[in-house]
Amino acid sequence: MIEKALTSGDVEFVTTLHGDDSTSFVVLMQPRGDQADVLLRAIDDLAMGELKEAARESEEPEGKNARESAELALQVSLEALRQAGSEAVGQVIENHPLDKLTTVVEESEADEVIVLTAPHYVEEFFHRDWASRARHKVGVPVLKLFAHSE
């Protein structure tokens, strides 16, 4: 699961986690733009001392624009994974992301789930972040990684 396009550092990180073993990825991305998410991201930015970023959170695309941004970020990420030598497919998910994640894990017989996000201190503190919630639902190990920024 990702929340923004993978950077080159992210791609290198996830494709080398298992050494030289071949890897394949099913990438799930949820569009950003929900008002509650905007507030939580702004609080996280403030906690990290990133005042400018906190002010920009309200500028995130919403609705159809959020979906289009997510589709583009997903395509960029899939292409980057493929260029690194991995198989990669994916989709944007809008409703019930943990249910979809569980279905994908079962259908693909996944060995593990990687949740690659920016730090979300408020959600993590209350164990409401994607990784914490997925650990109780998917039935395979869940690895939480922090995304790189470029």
C-alpha atoms as a PDB file:
ATOM      1  CA  MET A   1       0.000   0.000   0.000  1.00  0.00           C
ATOM      2  CA  ILE A   2       1.270   3.424  -0.903  1.00  0.00           C
ATOM      3  CA  GLU A   3      -0.100   6.934  -0.592  1.00  0.00           C
ATOM      4  CA  LYS A   4       2.085   8.759  -3.122  1.00  0.00           C
ATOM      5  CA  ALA A   5       4.286   7.944  -6.093  1.00  0.00           C
ATOM      6  CA  LEU A   6       7.342   5.872  -5.229  1.00  0.00           C
ATOM      7  CA  THR A   7      10.648   7.709  -5.369  1.00  0.00           C
ATOM      8  CA  SER A   8      13.772   6.077  -6.785  1.00  0.00           C
ATOM      9  CA  GLY A   9      14.888   5.512  -3.174  1.00  0.00           C
ATOM     10  CA  ASP A  10      11.603   3.772  -2.359  1.00  0.00           C
ATOM     11  CA  VAL A  11      11.905   1.519  -5.400  1.00  0.00           C
ATOM     12  CA  GLU A  12      15.473   0.543  -4.561  1.00  0.00           C
ATOM     13  CA  PHE A  13      14.475  -0.067  -0.941  1.00  0.00           C
ATOM     14  CA  VAL A  14      11.534  -2.391  -1.634  1.00  0.00           C
ATOM     15  CA  THR A  15      13.113  -4.241  -4.557  1.00  0.00           C
ATOM     16  CA  THR A  16      16.233  -5.113  -2.552  1.00  0.00           C
ATOM     17  CA  LEU A  17      14.521  -6.166   0.683  1.00  0.00           C
ATOM     18  CA  HIS A  18      14.905  -9.841  -0.188  1.00  0.00           C
ATOM     19  CA  GLY A  19      18.340  -9.755  -1.770  1.00  0.00           C
ATOM     20  CA  ASP A  20      18.516 -11.289  -5.224  1.00  0.00           C
ATOM     21  CA  ASP A  21      15.177 -13.119  -4.969  1.00  0.00           C
ATOM     22  CA  SER A  22      12.756 -12.184  -7.734  1.00  0.00           C
ATOM     23  CA  THR A  23       9.890 -10.065  -6.499  1.00  0.00           C
ATOM     24  CA  SER A  24       6.474  -9.141  -7.743  1.00  0.00           C
ATOM     25  CA  PHE A  25       4.260  -6.406  -6.386  1.00  0.00           C
ATOM     26  CA  VAL A  26       0.551  -5.701  -6.277  1.00  0.00           C
ATOM     27  CA  VAL A  27       0.418  -2.000  -5.494  1.00  0.00           C
ATOM     28  CA  LEU A  28      -2.678  -0.520  -3.897  1.00  0.00           C
ATOM     29  CA  MET A  29      -3.036   3.232  -3.696  1.00  0.00           C
ATOM     30  CA  GLN A  30      -5.768   5.238  -2.057  1.00  0.00           C
ATOM     31  CA  PRO A  31      -6.494   8.737  -3.365  1.00  0.00           C
ATOM     32  CA  ARG A  32      -5.746  11.521  -0.932  1.00  0.00           C
ATOM     33  CA  GLY A  33      -8.074  14.406  -0.218  1.00  0.00           C
ATOM     34  CA  ASP A  34     -10.414  13.276   2.573  1.00  0.00           C
ATOM     35  CA  GLN A  35     -10.878  16.181   5.013  1.00  0.00           C
ATOM     36  CA  ALA A  36     -10.065  14.046   8.060  1.00  0.00           C
ATOM     37  CA  ASP A  37      -6.866  12.916   6.350  1.00  0.00           C
ATOM     38  CA  VAL A  38      -5.951  16.528   5.588  1.00  0.00           C
ATOM     39  CA  LEU A  39      -6.273  17.452   9.275  1.00  0.00           C
ATOM     40  CA  LEU A  40      -4.211  14.465  10.440  1.00  0.00           C
ATOM     41  CA  ARG A  41      -1.491  15.156   7.856  1.00  0.00           C
ATOM     42  CA  ALA A  42      -1.367  18.809   8.927  1.00  0.00           C
ATOM     43  CA  ILE A  43      -0.953  17.764  12.582  1.00  0.00           C
ATOM     44  CA  ASP A  44       1.828  15.360  11.562  1.00  0.00           C
ATOM     45  CA  ASP A  45       3.554  18.150   9.627  1.00  0.00           C
ATOM     46  CA  LEU A  46       3.340  20.447  12.643  1.00  0.00           C
ATOM     47  CA  ALA A  47       4.753  17.720  14.898  1.00  0.00           C
ATOM     48  CA  MET A  48       7.722  17.406  12.560  1.00  0.00           C
ATOM     49  CA  GLY A  49       8.226  21.175  12.459  1.00  0.00           C
ATOM     50  CA  GLU A  50       7.204  21.444   8.809  1.00  0.00           C
ATOM     51  CA  LEU A  51       5.012  24.528   9.006  1.00  0.00           C
ATOM     52  CA  LYS A  52       4.976  25.189   5.265  1.00  0.00           C
ATOM     53  CA  GLU A  53       3.850  21.639   4.548  1.00  0.00           C
ATOM     54  CA  ALA A  54       1.066  21.909   7.147  1.00  0.00           C
ATOM     55  CA  ALA A  55      -0.235  25.031   5.423  1.00  0.00           C
ATOM     56  CA  ARG A  56      -0.193  23.285   2.017  1.00  0.00           C
ATOM     57  CA  GLU A  57      -2.242  20.265   3.110  1.00  0.00           C
ATOM     58  CA  SER A  58      -5.496  22.033   2.221  1.00  0.00           C
ATOM     59  CA  GLU A  59      -4.211  22.345  -1.366  1.00  0.00           C
ATOM     60  CA  GLU A  60      -4.397  18.573  -1.935  1.00  0.00           C
ATOM     61  CA  PRO A  61      -6.648  17.546  -4.842  1.00  0.00           C
ATOM     62  CA  GLU A  62     -10.132  16.364  -3.950  1.00  0.00           C
ATOM     63  CA  GLY A  63     -12.744  14.165  -5.600  1.00  0.00           C
ATOM     64  CA  LYS A  64     -12.104  13.477  -9.287  1.00  0.00           C
ATOM     65  CA  ASN A  65      -8.785  15.358  -9.179  1.00  0.00           C
ATOM     66  CA  ALA A  66      -7.603  13.194  -6.272  1.00  0.00           C
ATOM     67  CA  ARG A  67      -8.491  10.059  -8.243  1.00  0.00           C
ATOM     68  CA  GLU A  68      -6.629  11.313 -11.328  1.00  0.00           C
ATOM     69  CA  SER A  69      -3.556  12.232  -9.243  1.00  0.00           C
ATOM     70  CA  ALA A  70      -3.608   8.799  -7.619  1.00  0.00           C
ATOM     71  CA  GLU A  71      -3.894   7.058 -11.018  1.00  0.00           C
ATOM     72  CA  LEU A  72      -0.892   8.982 -12.339  1.00  0.00           C
ATOM     73  CA  ALA A  73       1.171   8.304  -9.196  1.00  0.00           C
ATOM     74  CA  LEU A  74       0.279   4.624  -9.411  1.00  0.00           C
ATOM     75  CA  GLN A  75       1.361   4.377 -13.056  1.00  0.00           C
ATOM     76  CA  VAL A  76       4.661   6.122 -12.292  1.00  0.00           C
ATOM     77  CA  SER A  77       5.256   3.723  -9.404  1.00  0.00           C
ATOM     78  CA  LEU A  78       4.421   0.606 -11.405  1.00  0.00           C
ATOM     79  CA  GLU A  79       6.732   1.644 -14.229  1.00  0.00           C
ATOM     80  CA  ALA A  80       9.559   2.354 -11.771  1.00  0.00           C
ATOM     81  CA  LEU A  81       9.163  -1.104 -10.201  1.00  0.00           C
ATOM     82  CA  ARG A  82       9.176  -2.733 -13.635  1.00  0.00           C
ATOM     83  CA  GLN A  83      12.274  -0.784 -14.662  1.00  0.00           C
ATOM     84  CA  ALA A  84      13.959  -2.161 -11.540  1.00  0.00           C
ATOM     85  CA  GLY A  85      13.252  -5.694 -12.773  1.00  0.00           C
ATOM     86  CA  SER A  86      10.169  -6.582 -10.745  1.00  0.00           C
ATOM     87  CA  GLU A  87       6.735  -7.618 -11.883  1.00  0.00           C
ATOM     88  CA  ALA A  88       4.195  -4.998 -10.846  1.00  0.00           C
ATOM     89  CA  VAL A  89       0.450  -4.510 -11.177  1.00  0.00           C
ATOM     90  CA  GLY A  90      -1.806  -2.286  -9.172  1.00  0.00           C
ATOM     91  CA  GLN A  91      -4.948  -0.308  -8.712  1.00  0.00           C
ATOM     92  CA  VAL A  92      -6.356   2.753  -7.027  1.00  0.00           C
ATOM     93  CA  ILE A  93      -8.770   1.871  -4.248  1.00  0.00           C
ATOM     94  CA  GLU A  94     -11.291   4.286  -2.821  1.00  0.00           C
ATOM     95  CA  ASN A  95     -13.636   2.258  -0.643  1.00  0.00           C
ATOM     96  CA  HIS A  96     -12.821  -0.293   2.057  1.00  0.00           C
ATOM     97  CA  PRO A  97      -9.056  -0.412   1.437  1.00  0.00           C
ATOM     98  CA  LEU A  98      -8.359  -3.016   4.116  1.00  0.00           C
ATOM     99  CA  ASP A  99     -11.022  -5.326   2.713  1.00  0.00           C
ATOM    100  CA  LYS A 100      -9.451  -4.948  -0.734  1.00  0.00           C
ATOM    101  CA  LEU A 101      -5.985  -5.529   0.720  1.00  0.00           C
ATOM    102  CA  THR A 102      -7.178  -8.750   2.374  1.00  0.00           C
ATOM    103  CA  THR A 103      -8.706  -9.951  -0.901  1.00  0.00           C
ATOM    104  CA  VAL A 104      -5.522  -9.154  -2.848  1.00  0.00           C
ATOM    105  CA  VAL A 105      -3.370 -10.973  -0.280  1.00  0.00           C
ATOM    106  CA  GLU A 106      -5.572 -14.064  -0.527  1.00  0.00           C
ATOM    107  CA  GLU A 107      -5.892 -14.037  -4.335  1.00  0.00           C
ATOM    108  CA  SER A 108      -2.209 -13.407  -4.996  1.00  0.00           C
ATOM    109  CA  GLU A 109      -1.027 -15.683  -2.179  1.00  0.00           C
ATOM    110  CA  ALA A 110       1.198 -12.851  -0.986  1.00  0.00           C
ATOM    111  CA  ASP A 111       4.043 -13.596   1.386  1.00  0.00           C
ATOM    112  CA  GLU A 112       3.914 -10.204   3.048  1.00  0.00           C
ATOM    113  CA  VAL A 113       2.404  -6.739   2.904  1.00  0.00           C
ATOM    114  CA  ILE A 114       4.508  -3.613   2.719  1.00  0.00           C
ATOM    115  CA  VAL A 115       2.895  -0.379   3.823  1.00  0.00           C
ATOM    116  CA  LEU A 116       5.023   2.509   2.542  1.00  0.00           C
ATOM    117  CA  THR A 117       3.892   5.876   3.884  1.00  0.00           C
ATOM    118  CA  ALA A 118       5.106   9.092   5.376  1.00  0.00           C
ATOM    119  CA  PRO A 119       5.137   9.124   9.194  1.00  0.00           C
ATOM    120  CA  HIS A 120       1.645   9.625  10.621  1.00  0.00           C
ATOM    121  CA  TYR A 121       2.317  10.184  14.296  1.00  0.00           C
ATOM    122  CA  VAL A 122      -1.263  10.723  15.460  1.00  0.00           C
ATOM    123  CA  GLU A 123      -2.578   7.637  13.683  1.00  0.00           C
ATOM    124  CA  GLU A 124       0.420   5.539  14.731  1.00  0.00           C
ATOM    125  CA  PHE A 125       0.051   6.563  18.371  1.00  0.00           C
ATOM    126  CA  PHE A 126      -3.537   5.302  18.368  1.00  0.00           C
ATOM    127  CA  HIS A 127      -2.683   2.296  16.134  1.00  0.00           C
ATOM    128  CA  ARG A 128      -5.037   3.579  13.440  1.00  0.00           C
ATOM    129  CA  ASP A 129      -2.407   3.719  10.694  1.00  0.00           C
ATOM    130  CA  TRP A 130      -2.667   1.347   7.717  1.00  0.00           C
ATOM    131  CA  ALA A 131       0.054  -1.001   8.928  1.00  0.00           C
ATOM    132  CA  SER A 132      -1.400  -1.435  12.419  1.00  0.00           C
ATOM    133  CA  ARG A 133      -4.887  -2.016  11.064  1.00  0.00           C
ATOM    134  CA  ALA A 134      -3.661  -4.408   8.351  1.00  0.00           C
ATOM    135  CA  ARG A 135      -1.763  -6.560  10.877  1.00  0.00           C
ATOM    136  CA  HIS A 136      -5.089  -7.562  12.402  1.00  0.00           C
ATOM    137  CA  LYS A 137      -6.733  -8.339   9.104  1.00  0.00           C
ATOM    138  CA  VAL A 138      -4.548  -9.809   6.347  1.00  0.00           C
ATOM    139  CA  GLY A 139      -3.019 -12.954   7.854  1.00  0.00           C
ATOM    140  CA  VAL A 140       0.550 -12.372   6.599  1.00  0.00           C
ATOM    141  CA  PRO A 141       3.405 -10.299   8.020  1.00  0.00           C
ATOM    142  CA  VAL A 142       2.990  -6.536   7.546  1.00  0.00           C
ATOM    143  CA  LEU A 143       6.102  -4.422   7.161  1.00  0.00           C
ATOM    144  CA  LYS A 144       5.790  -0.698   7.707  1.00  0.00           C
ATOM    145  CA  LEU A 145       8.329   1.451   5.886  1.00  0.00           C
ATOM    146  CA  PHE A 146       8.668   5.197   5.713  1.00  0.00           C
ATOM    147  CA  ALA A 147       8.669   6.638   2.220  1.00  0.00           C
ATOM    148  CA  HIS A 148      11.608   8.651   0.971  1.00  0.00           C
ATOM    149  CA  SER A 149      11.117  12.150  -0.353  1.00  0.00           C
ATOM    150  CA  GLU A 150      12.887  13.725  -3.301  1.00  0.00           C
END
